[in-house]
Amino acid sequence: MRRRRSDPLARQAVLAMAAARIGIGAGTLLATRPALRGLGFAETDSSGLALAKLAGGRDLALGAVTLAVRNDPGALCAAALTAAALDAADALTFALAGAAPETRDAGLRGLASGAAAAALGLWSYRRLA
């Protein structure tokens, strides 16, 4: 079976999202409180800061791995699907956070951005597969 040629626009989208992930991940690791405020969260305790840093590390790693496999079409396709799945999980998590009054703003922002990222990731995956 012959694999069709990858879509350059989808490849660019995956690589742009990877670069954005690296920036978001690094920002969350190095400036956790401002990053949380930017997402709409109020002040948090040390547990919340630790969890935010974990999420930042995940984004940093996922972005770096995606850029590392940029010249391997199969691995790039797998990275796009993995990122889309994680973005969908993030959207669900933010939707659940949106149910509480104190995290409603952050939940709605995260739901919108996570759903958009998941949709773009799935679109890219389908065009790369």
N, C-alpha and C. Protein backbone atom coordinates (compact mmCIF):
# COMPACT_ATOMS: atom_id res chain seq x y z
N MET A 1 0.83 -1.18 0.00
CA MET A 1 0.00 0.00 0.00
C MET A 1 0.88 1.25 0.00
N ARG A 2 0.56 2.18 -0.83
CA ARG A 2 1.37 3.38 -0.96
C ARG A 2 0.81 4.49 -0.09
N ARG A 3 1.66 5.12 0.65
CA ARG A 3 1.26 6.22 1.52
C ARG A 3 1.17 7.50 0.68
N ARG A 4 0.10 8.26 0.87
CA ARG A 4 -0.01 9.50 0.12
C ARG A 4 0.94 10.56 0.70
N ARG A 5 1.19 11.53 -0.11
CA ARG A 5 2.13 12.59 0.28
C ARG A 5 1.53 13.43 1.41
N SER A 6 2.36 13.78 2.39
CA SER A 6 1.90 14.58 3.52
C SER A 6 1.53 15.99 3.06
N ASP A 7 0.58 16.57 3.74
CA ASP A 7 0.11 17.92 3.46
C ASP A 7 1.05 18.92 4.13
N PRO A 8 1.70 19.82 3.37
CA PRO A 8 2.63 20.77 3.97
C PRO A 8 1.95 21.73 4.94
N LEU A 9 0.70 22.10 4.68
CA LEU A 9 -0.01 23.00 5.59
C LEU A 9 -0.26 22.32 6.94
N ALA A 10 -0.63 21.05 6.90
CA ALA A 10 -0.84 20.30 8.15
C ALA A 10 0.47 20.17 8.91
N ARG A 11 1.56 19.91 8.19
CA ARG A 11 2.87 19.81 8.83
C ARG A 11 3.24 21.13 9.50
N GLN A 12 3.00 22.25 8.80
CA GLN A 12 3.29 23.56 9.38
C GLN A 12 2.45 23.81 10.62
N ALA A 13 1.18 23.40 10.59
CA ALA A 13 0.30 23.59 11.74
C ALA A 13 0.83 22.81 12.95
N VAL A 14 1.23 21.57 12.72
CA VAL A 14 1.75 20.74 13.82
C VAL A 14 3.03 21.36 14.39
N LEU A 15 3.91 21.83 13.52
CA LEU A 15 5.16 22.42 13.99
C LEU A 15 4.93 23.76 14.69
N ALA A 16 3.98 24.54 14.21
CA ALA A 16 3.65 25.81 14.89
C ALA A 16 3.07 25.54 16.28
N MET A 17 2.20 24.54 16.37
CA MET A 17 1.64 24.19 17.68
C MET A 17 2.73 23.67 18.61
N ALA A 18 3.69 22.94 18.07
CA ALA A 18 4.80 22.43 18.89
C ALA A 18 5.62 23.60 19.44
N ALA A 19 5.89 24.58 18.59
CA ALA A 19 6.65 25.75 19.06
C ALA A 19 5.86 26.51 20.12
N ALA A 20 4.56 26.63 19.92
CA ALA A 20 3.72 27.30 20.92
C ALA A 20 3.73 26.53 22.23
N ARG A 21 3.67 25.20 22.15
CA ARG A 21 3.72 24.36 23.36
C ARG A 21 5.01 24.58 24.13
N ILE A 22 6.11 24.68 23.42
CA ILE A 22 7.40 24.90 24.08
C ILE A 22 7.36 26.24 24.81
N GLY A 23 6.84 27.26 24.17
CA GLY A 23 6.74 28.57 24.81
C GLY A 23 5.82 28.55 26.02
N ILE A 24 4.67 27.94 25.87
CA ILE A 24 3.71 27.85 26.99
C ILE A 24 4.30 27.01 28.12
N GLY A 25 4.91 25.89 27.75
CA GLY A 25 5.50 25.02 28.78
C GLY A 25 6.61 25.70 29.54
N ALA A 26 7.50 26.37 28.81
CA ALA A 26 8.61 27.08 29.48
C ALA A 26 8.07 28.21 30.35
N GLY A 27 7.09 28.94 29.84
CA GLY A 27 6.49 30.02 30.62
C GLY A 27 5.83 29.51 31.90
N THR A 28 5.15 28.39 31.77
CA THR A 28 4.49 27.82 32.94
C THR A 28 5.49 27.31 33.97
N LEU A 29 6.59 26.76 33.49
CA LEU A 29 7.63 26.28 34.42
C LEU A 29 8.37 27.44 35.09
N LEU A 30 8.68 28.47 34.32
CA LEU A 30 9.54 29.55 34.84
C LEU A 30 8.77 30.71 35.47
N ALA A 31 7.53 30.90 35.07
CA ALA A 31 6.71 31.99 35.60
C ALA A 31 5.31 31.45 35.87
N THR A 32 5.24 30.53 36.82
CA THR A 32 4.01 29.79 37.04
C THR A 32 2.85 30.68 37.47
N ARG A 33 3.06 31.54 38.44
CA ARG A 33 1.95 32.39 38.90
C ARG A 33 1.41 33.31 37.81
N PRO A 34 2.27 34.02 37.07
CA PRO A 34 1.73 34.84 35.97
C PRO A 34 1.03 34.01 34.90
N ALA A 35 1.55 32.81 34.62
CA ALA A 35 0.91 31.95 33.63
C ALA A 35 -0.49 31.55 34.10
N LEU A 36 -0.63 31.21 35.37
CA LEU A 36 -1.94 30.84 35.90
C LEU A 36 -2.90 32.03 35.87
N ARG A 37 -2.39 33.21 36.21
CA ARG A 37 -3.25 34.40 36.12
C ARG A 37 -3.69 34.64 34.68
N GLY A 38 -2.78 34.43 33.73
CA GLY A 38 -3.12 34.60 32.32
C GLY A 38 -4.19 33.63 31.86
N LEU A 39 -4.23 32.47 32.48
CA LEU A 39 -5.26 31.49 32.16
C LEU A 39 -6.58 31.77 32.86
N GLY A 40 -6.56 32.71 33.80
CA GLY A 40 -7.81 33.05 34.49
C GLY A 40 -7.94 32.47 35.88
N PHE A 41 -6.88 31.85 36.39
CA PHE A 41 -6.92 31.29 37.73
C PHE A 41 -6.51 32.34 38.75
N ALA A 42 -7.15 32.31 39.90
CA ALA A 42 -6.77 33.19 41.00
C ALA A 42 -5.53 32.59 41.68
N GLU A 43 -5.12 33.18 42.75
CA GLU A 43 -3.97 32.65 43.50
C GLU A 43 -4.22 31.19 43.88
N THR A 44 -3.14 30.45 43.96
CA THR A 44 -3.24 29.03 44.28
C THR A 44 -2.20 28.68 45.34
N ASP A 45 -2.35 27.51 45.91
CA ASP A 45 -1.41 27.05 46.92
C ASP A 45 -0.25 26.30 46.26
N SER A 46 0.62 25.74 47.07
CA SER A 46 1.80 25.06 46.54
C SER A 46 1.41 23.81 45.73
N SER A 47 0.32 23.16 46.07
CA SER A 47 -0.13 21.99 45.30
C SER A 47 -0.55 22.41 43.90
N GLY A 48 -1.28 23.51 43.79
CA GLY A 48 -1.69 24.01 42.48
C GLY A 48 -0.50 24.44 41.64
N LEU A 49 0.48 25.07 42.29
CA LEU A 49 1.68 25.47 41.57
C LEU A 49 2.44 24.25 41.06
N ALA A 50 2.54 23.21 41.87
CA ALA A 50 3.24 21.99 41.46
C ALA A 50 2.53 21.34 40.27
N LEU A 51 1.21 21.27 40.32
CA LEU A 51 0.46 20.68 39.21
C LEU A 51 0.61 21.51 37.94
N ALA A 52 0.62 22.82 38.07
CA ALA A 52 0.81 23.68 36.89
C ALA A 52 2.19 23.45 36.29
N LYS A 53 3.20 23.29 37.13
CA LYS A 53 4.55 23.03 36.64
C LYS A 53 4.61 21.68 35.92
N LEU A 54 3.89 20.69 36.44
CA LEU A 54 3.83 19.39 35.77
C LEU A 54 3.23 19.54 34.38
N ALA A 55 2.14 20.28 34.28
CA ALA A 55 1.51 20.51 32.98
C ALA A 55 2.45 21.27 32.05
N GLY A 56 3.17 22.23 32.59
CA GLY A 56 4.14 22.97 31.79
C GLY A 56 5.24 22.06 31.27
N GLY A 57 5.71 21.18 32.12
CA GLY A 57 6.73 20.22 31.70
C GLY A 57 6.23 19.28 30.62
N ARG A 58 4.97 18.88 30.74
CA ARG A 58 4.37 18.02 29.72
C ARG A 58 4.32 18.74 28.38
N ASP A 59 3.88 19.99 28.40
CA ASP A 59 3.81 20.75 27.14
C ASP A 59 5.20 20.97 26.54
N LEU A 60 6.15 21.28 27.38
CA LEU A 60 7.52 21.48 26.91
C LEU A 60 8.05 20.20 26.27
N ALA A 61 7.86 19.06 26.92
CA ALA A 61 8.34 17.78 26.39
C ALA A 61 7.62 17.41 25.10
N LEU A 62 6.30 17.57 25.06
CA LEU A 62 5.55 17.22 23.86
C LEU A 62 5.96 18.09 22.68
N GLY A 63 6.16 19.37 22.92
CA GLY A 63 6.61 20.26 21.85
C GLY A 63 8.00 19.88 21.36
N ALA A 64 8.89 19.58 22.28
CA ALA A 64 10.26 19.22 21.90
C ALA A 64 10.30 17.91 21.11
N VAL A 65 9.54 16.92 21.55
CA VAL A 65 9.51 15.65 20.84
C VAL A 65 8.93 15.84 19.43
N THR A 66 7.89 16.65 19.33
CA THR A 66 7.29 16.89 18.02
C THR A 66 8.29 17.54 17.08
N LEU A 67 9.01 18.54 17.56
CA LEU A 67 10.03 19.17 16.71
C LEU A 67 11.16 18.19 16.37
N ALA A 68 11.49 17.31 17.30
CA ALA A 68 12.57 16.35 17.06
C ALA A 68 12.23 15.36 15.96
N VAL A 69 10.95 15.04 15.78
CA VAL A 69 10.54 14.05 14.77
C VAL A 69 9.99 14.72 13.51
N ARG A 70 10.25 16.00 13.34
CA ARG A 70 9.65 16.76 12.24
C ARG A 70 9.98 16.21 10.85
N ASN A 71 11.08 15.48 10.72
CA ASN A 71 11.46 14.93 9.41
C ASN A 71 11.08 13.47 9.22
N ASP A 72 10.35 12.92 10.17
CA ASP A 72 9.86 11.53 10.09
C ASP A 72 8.34 11.58 9.98
N PRO A 73 7.79 11.43 8.78
CA PRO A 73 6.34 11.60 8.60
C PRO A 73 5.48 10.72 9.51
N GLY A 74 5.87 9.48 9.71
CA GLY A 74 5.09 8.59 10.57
C GLY A 74 5.10 9.04 12.02
N ALA A 75 6.28 9.39 12.50
CA ALA A 75 6.40 9.84 13.89
C ALA A 75 5.72 11.18 14.08
N LEU A 76 5.80 12.07 13.09
CA LEU A 76 5.14 13.37 13.20
C LEU A 76 3.62 13.19 13.25
N CYS A 77 3.14 12.25 12.47
CA CYS A 77 1.71 11.94 12.48
C CYS A 77 1.29 11.42 13.86
N ALA A 78 2.09 10.55 14.44
CA ALA A 78 1.80 10.01 15.77
C ALA A 78 1.86 11.12 16.82
N ALA A 79 2.82 12.02 16.69
CA ALA A 79 2.92 13.14 17.64
C ALA A 79 1.70 14.04 17.53
N ALA A 80 1.22 14.28 16.30
CA ALA A 80 0.02 15.11 16.11
C ALA A 80 -1.19 14.47 16.77
N LEU A 81 -1.34 13.16 16.62
CA LEU A 81 -2.47 12.47 17.24
C LEU A 81 -2.36 12.48 18.76
N THR A 82 -1.17 12.27 19.27
CA THR A 82 -0.96 12.31 20.72
C THR A 82 -1.30 13.68 21.28
N ALA A 83 -0.83 14.72 20.62
CA ALA A 83 -1.11 16.08 21.07
C ALA A 83 -2.61 16.37 21.02
N ALA A 84 -3.28 15.91 19.96
CA ALA A 84 -4.73 16.14 19.85
C ALA A 84 -5.47 15.44 20.99
N ALA A 85 -5.05 14.23 21.34
CA ALA A 85 -5.68 13.51 22.45
C ALA A 85 -5.47 14.23 23.77
N LEU A 86 -4.25 14.72 24.00
CA LEU A 86 -3.97 15.45 25.24
C LEU A 86 -4.73 16.77 25.29
N ASP A 87 -4.85 17.44 24.14
CA ASP A 87 -5.62 18.69 24.10
C ASP A 87 -7.10 18.44 24.37
N ALA A 88 -7.63 17.33 23.87
CA ALA A 88 -9.03 16.98 24.15
C ALA A 88 -9.21 16.70 25.64
N ALA A 89 -8.24 16.00 26.24
CA ALA A 89 -8.31 15.74 27.68
C ALA A 89 -8.23 17.04 28.47
N ASP A 90 -7.39 17.97 28.02
CA ASP A 90 -7.31 19.28 28.67
C ASP A 90 -8.64 20.02 28.57
N ALA A 91 -9.26 19.97 27.39
CA ALA A 91 -10.55 20.64 27.20
C ALA A 91 -11.59 20.07 28.16
N LEU A 92 -11.61 18.76 28.31
CA LEU A 92 -12.55 18.13 29.25
C LEU A 92 -12.26 18.56 30.68
N THR A 93 -10.99 18.57 31.05
CA THR A 93 -10.60 18.99 32.40
C THR A 93 -11.02 20.43 32.67
N PHE A 94 -10.78 21.30 31.71
CA PHE A 94 -11.19 22.70 31.87
C PHE A 94 -12.70 22.84 31.91
N ALA A 95 -13.41 22.02 31.14
CA ALA A 95 -14.88 22.06 31.19
C ALA A 95 -15.37 21.71 32.59
N LEU A 96 -14.75 20.72 33.20
CA LEU A 96 -15.12 20.35 34.56
C LEU A 96 -14.78 21.47 35.55
N ALA A 97 -13.64 22.13 35.32
CA ALA A 97 -13.27 23.26 36.18
C ALA A 97 -14.25 24.41 36.03
N GLY A 98 -14.82 24.55 34.85
CA GLY A 98 -15.78 25.62 34.60
C GLY A 98 -17.08 25.48 35.36
N ALA A 99 -17.31 24.31 35.93
CA ALA A 99 -18.54 24.09 36.69
C ALA A 99 -18.49 24.78 38.05
N ALA A 100 -17.31 25.05 38.56
CA ALA A 100 -17.18 25.70 39.86
C ALA A 100 -17.10 27.21 39.68
N PRO A 101 -17.83 27.98 40.48
CA PRO A 101 -17.82 29.43 40.30
C PRO A 101 -16.43 30.06 40.38
N GLU A 102 -15.57 29.57 41.27
CA GLU A 102 -14.25 30.19 41.44
C GLU A 102 -13.28 29.90 40.29
N THR A 103 -13.60 28.90 39.47
CA THR A 103 -12.73 28.58 38.33
C THR A 103 -13.49 28.65 37.00
N ARG A 104 -14.64 29.27 37.01
CA ARG A 104 -15.46 29.32 35.79
C ARG A 104 -14.74 30.03 34.63
N ASP A 105 -14.14 31.19 34.90
CA ASP A 105 -13.47 31.94 33.84
C ASP A 105 -12.33 31.12 33.24
N ALA A 106 -11.49 30.56 34.09
CA ALA A 106 -10.38 29.74 33.60
C ALA A 106 -10.89 28.51 32.88
N GLY A 107 -11.94 27.91 33.38
CA GLY A 107 -12.51 26.73 32.75
C GLY A 107 -13.02 27.01 31.35
N LEU A 108 -13.71 28.14 31.19
CA LEU A 108 -14.23 28.48 29.86
C LEU A 108 -13.11 28.82 28.88
N ARG A 109 -12.10 29.55 29.35
CA ARG A 109 -10.96 29.86 28.49
C ARG A 109 -10.23 28.59 28.06
N GLY A 110 -9.99 27.72 29.04
CA GLY A 110 -9.28 26.48 28.75
C GLY A 110 -10.08 25.54 27.87
N LEU A 111 -11.38 25.51 28.07
CA LEU A 111 -12.24 24.68 27.23
C LEU A 111 -12.14 25.15 25.78
N ALA A 112 -12.24 26.45 25.57
CA ALA A 112 -12.17 26.98 24.21
C ALA A 112 -10.82 26.71 23.56
N SER A 113 -9.74 27.01 24.28
CA SER A 113 -8.41 26.82 23.67
C SER A 113 -8.08 25.33 23.51
N GLY A 114 -8.44 24.52 24.49
CA GLY A 114 -8.17 23.08 24.38
C GLY A 114 -8.95 22.42 23.26
N ALA A 115 -10.22 22.80 23.12
CA ALA A 115 -11.04 22.24 22.04
C ALA A 115 -10.52 22.67 20.67
N ALA A 116 -10.12 23.94 20.56
CA ALA A 116 -9.57 24.42 19.28
C ALA A 116 -8.27 23.71 18.94
N ALA A 117 -7.40 23.54 19.94
CA ALA A 117 -6.14 22.85 19.70
C ALA A 117 -6.37 21.38 19.34
N ALA A 118 -7.33 20.74 20.00
CA ALA A 118 -7.65 19.35 19.68
C ALA A 118 -8.19 19.23 18.26
N ALA A 119 -9.04 20.15 17.87
CA ALA A 119 -9.61 20.12 16.52
C ALA A 119 -8.52 20.33 15.47
N LEU A 120 -7.64 21.30 15.70
CA LEU A 120 -6.55 21.54 14.76
C LEU A 120 -5.60 20.35 14.71
N GLY A 121 -5.33 19.76 15.85
CA GLY A 121 -4.46 18.59 15.90
C GLY A 121 -5.06 17.41 15.17
N LEU A 122 -6.36 17.19 15.34
CA LEU A 122 -7.02 16.08 14.65
C LEU A 122 -7.07 16.34 13.14
N TRP A 123 -7.36 17.58 12.75
CA TRP A 123 -7.34 17.95 11.34
C TRP A 123 -5.96 17.68 10.75
N SER A 124 -4.92 18.09 11.45
CA SER A 124 -3.56 17.88 10.98
C SER A 124 -3.23 16.40 10.88
N TYR A 125 -3.60 15.65 11.88
CA TYR A 125 -3.35 14.21 11.87
C TYR A 125 -3.98 13.56 10.64
N ARG A 126 -5.23 13.90 10.39
CA ARG A 126 -5.94 13.29 9.25
C ARG A 126 -5.28 13.67 7.92
N ARG A 127 -4.74 14.87 7.84
CA ARG A 127 -4.09 15.31 6.60
C ARG A 127 -2.68 14.71 6.45
N LEU A 128 -2.07 14.36 7.57
CA LEU A 128 -0.74 13.75 7.53
C LEU A 128 -0.78 12.25 7.36
N ALA A 129 -1.87 11.62 7.79
CA ALA A 129 -1.98 10.16 7.76
C ALA A 129 -2.09 9.61 6.34
